[in-house]
Every structure is written in structure tokens, then in C-alpha cells.
């Protein structure tokens, strides 16, 4: 029960990966807040069915007022914020094609959700973390930032920005005993996600561990970064992609 009575915010908490994090934290005693632009009520039920404590609320991470209201409500319900996981992302419906054919609106949306959203959530949570002189922020990047995958430059760029933003945050927050780290997953095959089986077979063969990556493969790393086991680790990038990249 590493997280007994700890308050954990998981943005994008209604998604499959958000659910995996939420259930894992709840099993270790955490109280979980699951903001999402869509409903996360089904994840709340999954947590409460286990005997855990969870809340959900509508939140647009690109909007400062919405984010502040979400963090304030979490504190009202749970007392503080101990861990923030910036999991929300614009990816599933991104436009794909050459960058010279991309619209400004499409580029800006990816940056707004993936970069501004992570910054705004940290901005809102940090005052509570500073007050208790402790906290954990975990930003979620992607291994595409290491590869420079073609045909969705807005997503790749935004995930690269997450890595450098993490380093800047870590420098600024160290004096307050707040750690900030990044996880970069590979392509995660969640239940119900449509994938090309032939392409997924090729992708698996390119890894050192030759199988598809699933959401549970990320859970241990995130729990480690959120726990006291990583208290002297900040500003770092942990790449979790089955050995596709070595960094």
C-alpha cells in the first residue's frame, strides 16, 4: 500500500491507459481523480468495485479555468494533490499527412492539448504540492519523439516538447521537493483499438521484447515514479517500449 491515502490526478482518466493507472493506484491505497473531456464514470466504477476511492469530472486541459476548477475540486474531495499524471493527449483522431499540407488549426490543437494541457495541470497542482513541500509530476511523452516519425509532425513535436518541459520543470521545482519525470511509451495496443495486424507484427519484431505493448506494461514505471522509491530522481526520461529504442 505505497499510496495509502495519497491523492492522485490522472488526466485523460477515462481512457484505457488511464484506467490501467487508476486501478493500479487504487489497489495500493490511493484516492484517484479522473478528469477527462469525456466521461470517466466507468473507471470510477471499476475503482470503487475494488473498494477504492475515485472521482471523475469533465475537464478540458487546454482551458485554464477548467483545469483550475478540476484541481480545486480534487483538493476539496481528497485534501491535497500528491501525484499528477499528465496522461491526456490528442492522438487517436489526429490528421496524418505531410507537414506542408497540415492546417494551422490542426497543428495548434495538438500543441494545445499535449503541451499546454500538461503545463496548465502542473501549474494548477504545484501550489498544493509546494504547500506540503512534496509532490510527483509524471508527464507522458512518446517514443515517436525519439524517432521523428513522419506524417504527424504536430504530435511528434508536442511529445518532444514534453521531454524538454519536464527538464525545465524539474529545475524549477527541486527546491520544493517536487520531482518531475517523463515516460515515453511505444505504440500501445489497448483492448478494442483497431490495428493493422501485419504492421503490428512487424512493429513487434523490431522490439527487443517481441510482442505487442499493452497498457499494463506502463503501470510499473508510473507507480515507481510516483512512489518514494524515486525521490532522488528528477528531470529524467524513462523509455518503455520493449527495447525498440535505447537511450
Foldseek 3Di string as FASTA:
>chain_A
DQAALAEEEEEVCQDQLNLLQLQVNQVVHYAYEYEYQDDNVVSQVVSVVVVGHYDYDYAQLLDLVRLLVSLVVSCVVRVAHAEYELPDFPDPPQFFDAPVPDDPVSLVVRLSNLPSSLVSNCVNRVVRLLVVLAHEYEYEAACCCVVVDHGRNSNNVSSVVSLVVQLVVQVVCVVSLYAGEYEHEYDADEPPDDDDVVVQQVLLVLAPNRDHHHSNQCNVVVVCRSGPVCSVDHSYYHYRYRHNDDD
